[in-house]
């Protein structure tokens, strides 16, 4: 598989944006909130899946792209479950 200049630029951009978003999460984590573990883990998995999906697209690797899509959607489900738990807890 040949890595062209366009593909490598896209891959580096995806990696850079991912690190920036993790930095934003770290900065926000200094603020005291009542976020539960499922929300955090779900959103992290969603981010990792999105990066893997984009990397698969850039490298023309359908397997990696599908794996990233599945990981992203599982992360969304876990974060949604955490959101639901938080809503139930807050309304009691």
N, C-alpha and C. Protein backbone atom coordinates (compact mmCIF):
# COMPACT_ATOMS: atom_id res chain seq x y z
N UNK A 1 0.84 -1.16 0.00
CA UNK A 1 0.00 0.00 0.00
C UNK A 1 0.90 1.24 0.00
N UNK A 2 0.70 2.09 -0.97
CA UNK A 2 1.53 3.27 -1.12
C UNK A 2 0.92 4.44 -0.35
N UNK A 3 1.73 5.08 0.48
CA UNK A 3 1.28 6.23 1.26
C UNK A 3 1.65 7.50 0.50
N UNK A 4 0.66 8.15 -0.06
CA UNK A 4 0.91 9.36 -0.82
C UNK A 4 0.99 10.55 0.11
N UNK A 5 1.44 11.67 -0.43
CA UNK A 5 1.57 12.89 0.35
C UNK A 5 0.21 13.34 0.88
N UNK A 6 -0.82 13.21 0.08
CA UNK A 6 -2.18 13.62 0.48
C UNK A 6 -2.67 12.76 1.63
N UNK A 7 -2.43 11.45 1.55
CA UNK A 7 -2.86 10.54 2.61
C UNK A 7 -2.10 10.80 3.90
N UNK A 8 -0.80 11.02 3.80
CA UNK A 8 -0.02 11.25 5.02
C UNK A 8 -0.41 12.57 5.66
N UNK A 9 -0.73 13.58 4.87
CA UNK A 9 -1.19 14.86 5.42
C UNK A 9 -2.52 14.68 6.14
N UNK A 10 -3.43 13.93 5.56
CA UNK A 10 -4.72 13.66 6.18
C UNK A 10 -4.57 12.88 7.47
N UNK A 11 -3.68 11.92 7.48
CA UNK A 11 -3.44 11.10 8.67
C UNK A 11 -2.85 11.96 9.79
N UNK A 12 -1.87 12.78 9.46
CA UNK A 12 -1.27 13.65 10.47
C UNK A 12 -2.28 14.65 11.00
N UNK A 13 -3.15 15.14 10.16
CA UNK A 13 -4.19 16.07 10.60
C UNK A 13 -5.15 15.39 11.56
N UNK A 14 -5.54 14.16 11.26
CA UNK A 14 -6.45 13.43 12.15
C UNK A 14 -5.80 13.18 13.51
N UNK A 15 -4.54 12.80 13.51
CA UNK A 15 -3.83 12.55 14.76
C UNK A 15 -3.70 13.85 15.56
N UNK A 16 -3.36 14.93 14.90
CA UNK A 16 -3.21 16.22 15.57
C UNK A 16 -4.53 16.67 16.21
N UNK A 17 -5.62 16.57 15.44
CA UNK A 17 -6.92 16.97 15.98
C UNK A 17 -7.35 16.10 17.15
N UNK A 18 -6.99 14.83 17.12
CA UNK A 18 -7.31 13.94 18.23
C UNK A 18 -6.58 14.36 19.48
N UNK A 19 -5.29 14.65 19.36
CA UNK A 19 -4.54 15.09 20.53
C UNK A 19 -5.08 16.41 21.06
N UNK A 20 -5.49 17.30 20.18
CA UNK A 20 -6.06 18.57 20.63
C UNK A 20 -7.36 18.33 21.40
N UNK A 21 -8.19 17.41 20.92
CA UNK A 21 -9.45 17.15 21.61
C UNK A 21 -9.20 16.51 22.97
N UNK A 22 -8.18 15.63 23.08
CA UNK A 22 -7.86 15.06 24.39
C UNK A 22 -7.37 16.14 25.34
N UNK A 23 -6.64 17.12 24.82
CA UNK A 23 -6.20 18.23 25.65
C UNK A 23 -7.38 19.04 26.16
N UNK A 24 -8.39 19.20 25.31
CA UNK A 24 -9.59 19.93 25.74
C UNK A 24 -10.31 19.15 26.83
N UNK A 25 -10.39 17.82 26.70
CA UNK A 25 -11.00 17.00 27.75
C UNK A 25 -10.21 17.14 29.05
N UNK A 26 -8.89 17.15 28.97
CA UNK A 26 -8.07 17.26 30.17
C UNK A 26 -8.28 18.61 30.83
N UNK A 27 -8.38 19.66 30.03
CA UNK A 27 -8.61 21.00 30.58
C UNK A 27 -9.98 21.07 31.25
N UNK A 28 -10.99 20.47 30.62
CA UNK A 28 -12.33 20.48 31.19
C UNK A 28 -12.40 19.64 32.47
N UNK A 29 -11.53 18.64 32.59
CA UNK A 29 -11.60 17.75 33.74
C UNK A 29 -11.20 18.44 35.03
N UNK A 30 -10.58 19.61 34.94
CA UNK A 30 -10.22 20.35 36.14
C UNK A 30 -11.45 20.97 36.79
N UNK A 31 -12.52 21.10 36.02
CA UNK A 31 -13.76 21.65 36.52
C UNK A 31 -14.51 20.54 37.25
N UNK A 32 -15.02 20.84 38.43
CA UNK A 32 -15.73 19.85 39.22
C UNK A 32 -17.10 19.59 38.61
N UNK A 33 -17.32 18.37 38.15
CA UNK A 33 -18.61 17.97 37.59
C UNK A 33 -18.98 16.61 38.15
N UNK A 34 -20.21 16.24 37.95
CA UNK A 34 -20.65 14.91 38.38
C UNK A 34 -20.85 14.01 37.16
N UNK A 35 -19.79 13.84 36.40
CA UNK A 35 -19.79 12.98 35.23
C UNK A 35 -19.44 11.57 35.69
N UNK A 36 -20.18 10.59 35.20
CA UNK A 36 -19.88 9.23 35.63
C UNK A 36 -18.89 8.54 34.70
N UNK A 37 -18.41 7.41 35.14
CA UNK A 37 -17.35 6.68 34.44
C UNK A 37 -17.77 6.23 33.05
N UNK A 38 -19.03 5.82 32.91
CA UNK A 38 -19.50 5.36 31.60
C UNK A 38 -19.50 6.49 30.57
N UNK A 39 -19.82 7.69 31.00
CA UNK A 39 -19.80 8.82 30.07
C UNK A 39 -18.38 9.08 29.57
N UNK A 40 -17.43 9.07 30.48
CA UNK A 40 -16.04 9.35 30.11
C UNK A 40 -15.48 8.25 29.22
N UNK A 41 -15.62 7.00 29.66
CA UNK A 41 -15.08 5.88 28.87
C UNK A 41 -15.74 5.81 27.50
N UNK A 42 -17.04 6.05 27.44
CA UNK A 42 -17.75 6.00 26.17
C UNK A 42 -17.26 7.06 25.20
N UNK A 43 -17.05 8.25 25.70
CA UNK A 43 -16.60 9.33 24.80
C UNK A 43 -15.15 9.13 24.36
N UNK A 44 -14.33 8.55 25.23
CA UNK A 44 -12.95 8.24 24.83
C UNK A 44 -12.95 7.16 23.75
N UNK A 45 -13.75 6.12 23.93
CA UNK A 45 -13.83 5.06 22.91
C UNK A 45 -14.39 5.61 21.60
N UNK A 46 -15.35 6.52 21.71
CA UNK A 46 -15.91 7.13 20.51
C UNK A 46 -14.84 7.91 19.75
N UNK A 47 -14.00 8.63 20.46
CA UNK A 47 -12.91 9.38 19.82
C UNK A 47 -11.88 8.47 19.19
N UNK A 48 -11.51 7.41 19.92
CA UNK A 48 -10.54 6.46 19.37
C UNK A 48 -11.09 5.78 18.13
N UNK A 49 -12.37 5.45 18.16
CA UNK A 49 -12.99 4.82 17.00
C UNK A 49 -13.03 5.74 15.80
N UNK A 50 -13.30 7.01 16.04
CA UNK A 50 -13.35 7.98 14.94
C UNK A 50 -11.97 8.13 14.29
N UNK A 51 -10.93 8.17 15.13
CA UNK A 51 -9.56 8.27 14.59
C UNK A 51 -9.24 7.02 13.77
N UNK A 52 -9.60 5.86 14.29
CA UNK A 52 -9.33 4.62 13.57
C UNK A 52 -10.10 4.57 12.26
N UNK A 53 -11.34 5.06 12.27
CA UNK A 53 -12.14 5.09 11.05
C UNK A 53 -11.52 6.02 10.01
N UNK A 54 -11.09 7.20 10.42
CA UNK A 54 -10.47 8.14 9.49
C UNK A 54 -9.15 7.59 8.96
N UNK A 55 -8.37 6.97 9.85
CA UNK A 55 -7.11 6.37 9.43
C UNK A 55 -7.35 5.29 8.39
N UNK A 56 -8.40 4.48 8.60
CA UNK A 56 -8.75 3.45 7.62
C UNK A 56 -9.12 4.04 6.28
N UNK A 57 -9.84 5.16 6.30
CA UNK A 57 -10.22 5.82 5.04
C UNK A 57 -8.98 6.36 4.33
N UNK A 58 -8.09 7.00 5.10
CA UNK A 58 -6.90 7.60 4.51
C UNK A 58 -5.99 6.53 3.91
N UNK A 59 -5.85 5.40 4.61
CA UNK A 59 -4.96 4.34 4.14
C UNK A 59 -5.64 3.32 3.23
N UNK A 60 -6.90 3.56 2.91
CA UNK A 60 -7.69 2.62 2.09
C UNK A 60 -7.71 1.22 2.70
N UNK A 61 -7.87 1.14 4.01
CA UNK A 61 -7.93 -0.13 4.73
C UNK A 61 -9.37 -0.29 5.24
N UNK A 62 -10.18 -1.04 4.48
CA UNK A 62 -11.60 -1.20 4.81
C UNK A 62 -11.79 -1.87 6.18
N UNK A 63 -10.94 -2.81 6.52
CA UNK A 63 -11.05 -3.50 7.81
C UNK A 63 -10.88 -2.54 8.97
N UNK A 64 -9.87 -1.68 8.89
CA UNK A 64 -9.64 -0.70 9.95
C UNK A 64 -10.78 0.32 10.00
N UNK A 65 -11.27 0.70 8.84
CA UNK A 65 -12.37 1.66 8.78
C UNK A 65 -13.62 1.09 9.45
N UNK A 66 -13.94 -0.16 9.16
CA UNK A 66 -15.11 -0.81 9.76
C UNK A 66 -14.91 -0.99 11.26
N UNK A 67 -13.73 -1.42 11.66
CA UNK A 67 -13.42 -1.59 13.08
C UNK A 67 -13.56 -0.27 13.83
N UNK A 68 -13.09 0.81 13.24
CA UNK A 68 -13.23 2.13 13.85
C UNK A 68 -14.68 2.57 13.96
N UNK A 69 -15.46 2.27 12.93
CA UNK A 69 -16.88 2.62 12.96
C UNK A 69 -17.60 1.87 14.07
N UNK A 70 -17.30 0.59 14.22
CA UNK A 70 -17.92 -0.21 15.28
C UNK A 70 -17.50 0.33 16.65
N UNK A 71 -16.21 0.60 16.82
CA UNK A 71 -15.71 1.12 18.09
C UNK A 71 -16.35 2.47 18.42
N UNK A 72 -16.50 3.32 17.41
CA UNK A 72 -17.12 4.63 17.60
C UNK A 72 -18.57 4.48 18.06
N UNK A 73 -19.31 3.59 17.43
CA UNK A 73 -20.71 3.41 17.78
C UNK A 73 -20.89 2.75 19.15
N UNK A 74 -19.99 1.83 19.50
CA UNK A 74 -20.04 1.26 20.85
C UNK A 74 -19.74 2.32 21.91
N UNK A 75 -18.82 3.21 21.61
CA UNK A 75 -18.53 4.32 22.52
C UNK A 75 -19.72 5.24 22.68
N UNK A 76 -20.43 5.52 21.57
CA UNK A 76 -21.63 6.35 21.65
C UNK A 76 -22.68 5.69 22.53
N UNK A 77 -22.84 4.38 22.38
CA UNK A 77 -23.82 3.65 23.19
C UNK A 77 -23.44 3.70 24.67
N UNK A 78 -22.17 3.50 24.98
CA UNK A 78 -21.74 3.53 26.37
C UNK A 78 -21.91 4.93 26.96
N UNK A 79 -21.58 5.96 26.20
CA UNK A 79 -21.76 7.34 26.67
C UNK A 79 -23.25 7.64 26.87
N UNK A 80 -24.08 7.15 25.98
CA UNK A 80 -25.53 7.33 26.12
C UNK A 80 -26.06 6.65 27.36
N UNK A 81 -25.55 5.46 27.66
CA UNK A 81 -25.92 4.75 28.88
C UNK A 81 -25.51 5.56 30.11
N UNK A 82 -24.31 6.13 30.07
CA UNK A 82 -23.85 6.97 31.17
C UNK A 82 -24.70 8.22 31.33
N UNK A 83 -25.10 8.82 30.19
CA UNK A 83 -25.98 9.99 30.24
C UNK A 83 -27.33 9.63 30.88
N UNK A 84 -27.85 8.46 30.51
CA UNK A 84 -29.12 8.00 31.06
C UNK A 84 -29.01 7.78 32.57
N UNK A 85 -27.91 7.14 33.00
CA UNK A 85 -27.69 6.92 34.43
C UNK A 85 -27.63 8.25 35.18
N UNK A 86 -26.96 9.22 34.60
CA UNK A 86 -26.83 10.53 35.25
C UNK A 86 -28.19 11.23 35.33
N UNK A 87 -28.98 11.14 34.26
CA UNK A 87 -30.31 11.76 34.26
C UNK A 87 -31.20 11.14 35.32
N UNK A 88 -31.15 9.82 35.44
CA UNK A 88 -31.97 9.13 36.44
C UNK A 88 -31.52 9.54 37.84
N UNK A 89 -30.22 9.61 38.06
CA UNK A 89 -29.70 9.98 39.37
C UNK A 89 -30.06 11.43 39.71
N UNK A 90 -29.99 12.33 38.74
CA UNK A 90 -30.28 13.74 38.98
C UNK A 90 -31.76 13.99 39.24
N UNK A 91 -32.63 13.17 38.68
CA UNK A 91 -34.07 13.38 38.84
C UNK A 91 -34.64 12.75 40.10
N UNK A 92 -33.84 11.99 40.84
CA UNK A 92 -34.32 11.36 42.08
C UNK A 92 -34.39 12.34 43.19
